Amino acid sequence: MASIEERSSGVRVVWRLKRPGHPSHGRKQPIECHDLETAEKVASVVDAHRGNLTRSELEQMLWGDLSLEDEGITFSELAELWLPSKTRISPRTRDGYQGMLGFRILPAFGGKRVKPFAPADVSGFVNGMRAAGLSNKTITRHYSVINQTFRFGVKNGYLDTNPCDGTDFVWDQIADDDQGDEDHVYLTPDEYQLVHGSVSGSIQDFVEVLVASGVRFNEGTAFQPRDLIPPTRRNPEPQLWVRRAWKLRKGPDGKREWYLGATKGRQRRRNTIDWALWELLLKLSEGRAPDDLIFTGPKGGRLDYDWFEIRWNAGIVHAMRCPRHPPEAQGKQVADATGNCGDNGGLTQKGTACGHKLKPGWNRCSWHIAAPRDAVSNCDCSEVLHRRPTPHDLRHTCVAWMLEDPNVASTYVSRYVGHATNSVTDKVYAGLMPSGQKSAASAIAKARGRATSAAPSRRPRVSSRAPKASADELGAETSPAPRPRQPPVAALSA
């Protein structure tokens, strides 16, 4: 049944489409009317069709080409309505959406009407970004903004279907590669010990906290002494309260500033931690107020990611260099070398020719004689790290270690690391659940075993050339007993 809603701007008729199989089945179909009399007539038409009418079909039926809103609003106008309606996003996320709209999306089809939009228009925009060499993550973010805008339009009746539903776009995956982007590094315990011993002592404690708690970088740098929950009778194990994270926003002067806000997805959680991590955090919290930061920069305040990453990358390079097979040096001893360092192939970090003078007896300056700063060994020695993990890979490593235990369910892991849903954990770490795969294979094998034992044995085929046995050879016991003859019906009735 259609309902009539009186609003300040006029009267609106609303009904839910009743057409199973249609993409908008069950969704609201609103239509604006100028007065109550027109709204009643529109509602009667909808009721006569039992709700089996879309908004555009009803407009075409009642007004023909002169629909209430002609061809509808443009995508730019729809985006202006959608973005202010978002109430659960951070200022940084809002600025990011606005930047993607203004830089690429609106220039592409901001003036196009939303009603005649087709899935091919969205696919063409995605293929154009891919042809421009944009990363898969960037393409997915732009597609997400377009998809959310169209979903808002469908929900509020500006168009009947979402054009994104008709595309074959797969989130975070390349069109011609079903494997997608898999660049996570899961460190083994031996590899982690090598990394931990190679990084600078100024970040070793924080590296230990990241891999032991599985938190994000901006969540770990927001830890305070009051986030440490001591054990009680009810909870005999210590806990760590993950409830804040560092975020960016625009300040009063228009410049970006950092502030302590909610965690990603507002996933506040109290995680049980081991006693070694508890003692480490207690040691680091000594002498600090309850609301002080546990991890700070060299000058106090927030621990900067760039400062941390410089020391992290230096430690990774050190772990990837073999003492027995060091990387090849850039400079060579040449007695009669002339010119400057750049004339002999020396390059700066920016890739330009170095203008320094040569070191006497060498074909490079003093800065470029040794191996490049990021050069690593190419040997296969077991005591050398052969992969380049990022700081975020410590979080992946923590999840991998948890999933190695068959008693740890993916649901618990999802809540522990603060994923929005359990499906996120299953999607990202599905390949790290060998125990689940082994249990599934074992269950299939058991079922097949039961089916095999319960099935009747196959009767052996008798060759047509084999001689048939006589009745005397088979014996009288093999002959079927004669069936007793039933008395006639007349005898039974007598």
Foldseek 3Di string as FASTA:
>chain_A
DWDWDQDPQAIKIKDAACDPPDQRHRAIAIDGDHYPVVNVVLVVVCVVVPRNDHNVRSQCVPPNCPGPQRLFAFLLVLLVVQLVVDDPDDQVVSVVLVVLCVPQVCVLGRRPRPAVDALVSVVVSLVVCVVVVDDLQVSLVSSVSLQSSQVVCCNVNRYPDRNVVVDPDDRQADPVDPVHDDDFDADDPLRVVLLLVQFDPLCSLVLVVCLQQLEDPQQLQQDFQLQWAAADPVRNFIKGKRFWGWDWHQDPVRDIDIDIDGDVVNQIDIGGGHVVNSVSQVVLNPPHDRRAGSDADPVGDGHDPVVVQVRSLLSLQVLQADPVFGDDAPKDFDQPADAALQVLPDADPVGHRDRHHPDHRMSYRPVRGGHDSNDGGDDPDPSGDDDDHGSSSSSVNSLLVQLVDQVRDLQNVCSSHPPNDSVVSCVNCVVSNVVVVVVVVVVVVVVVVVVVVPDDDDDDDDDPPDDDDDPVVVDPVVDDDDDDDDDDPVVVVD
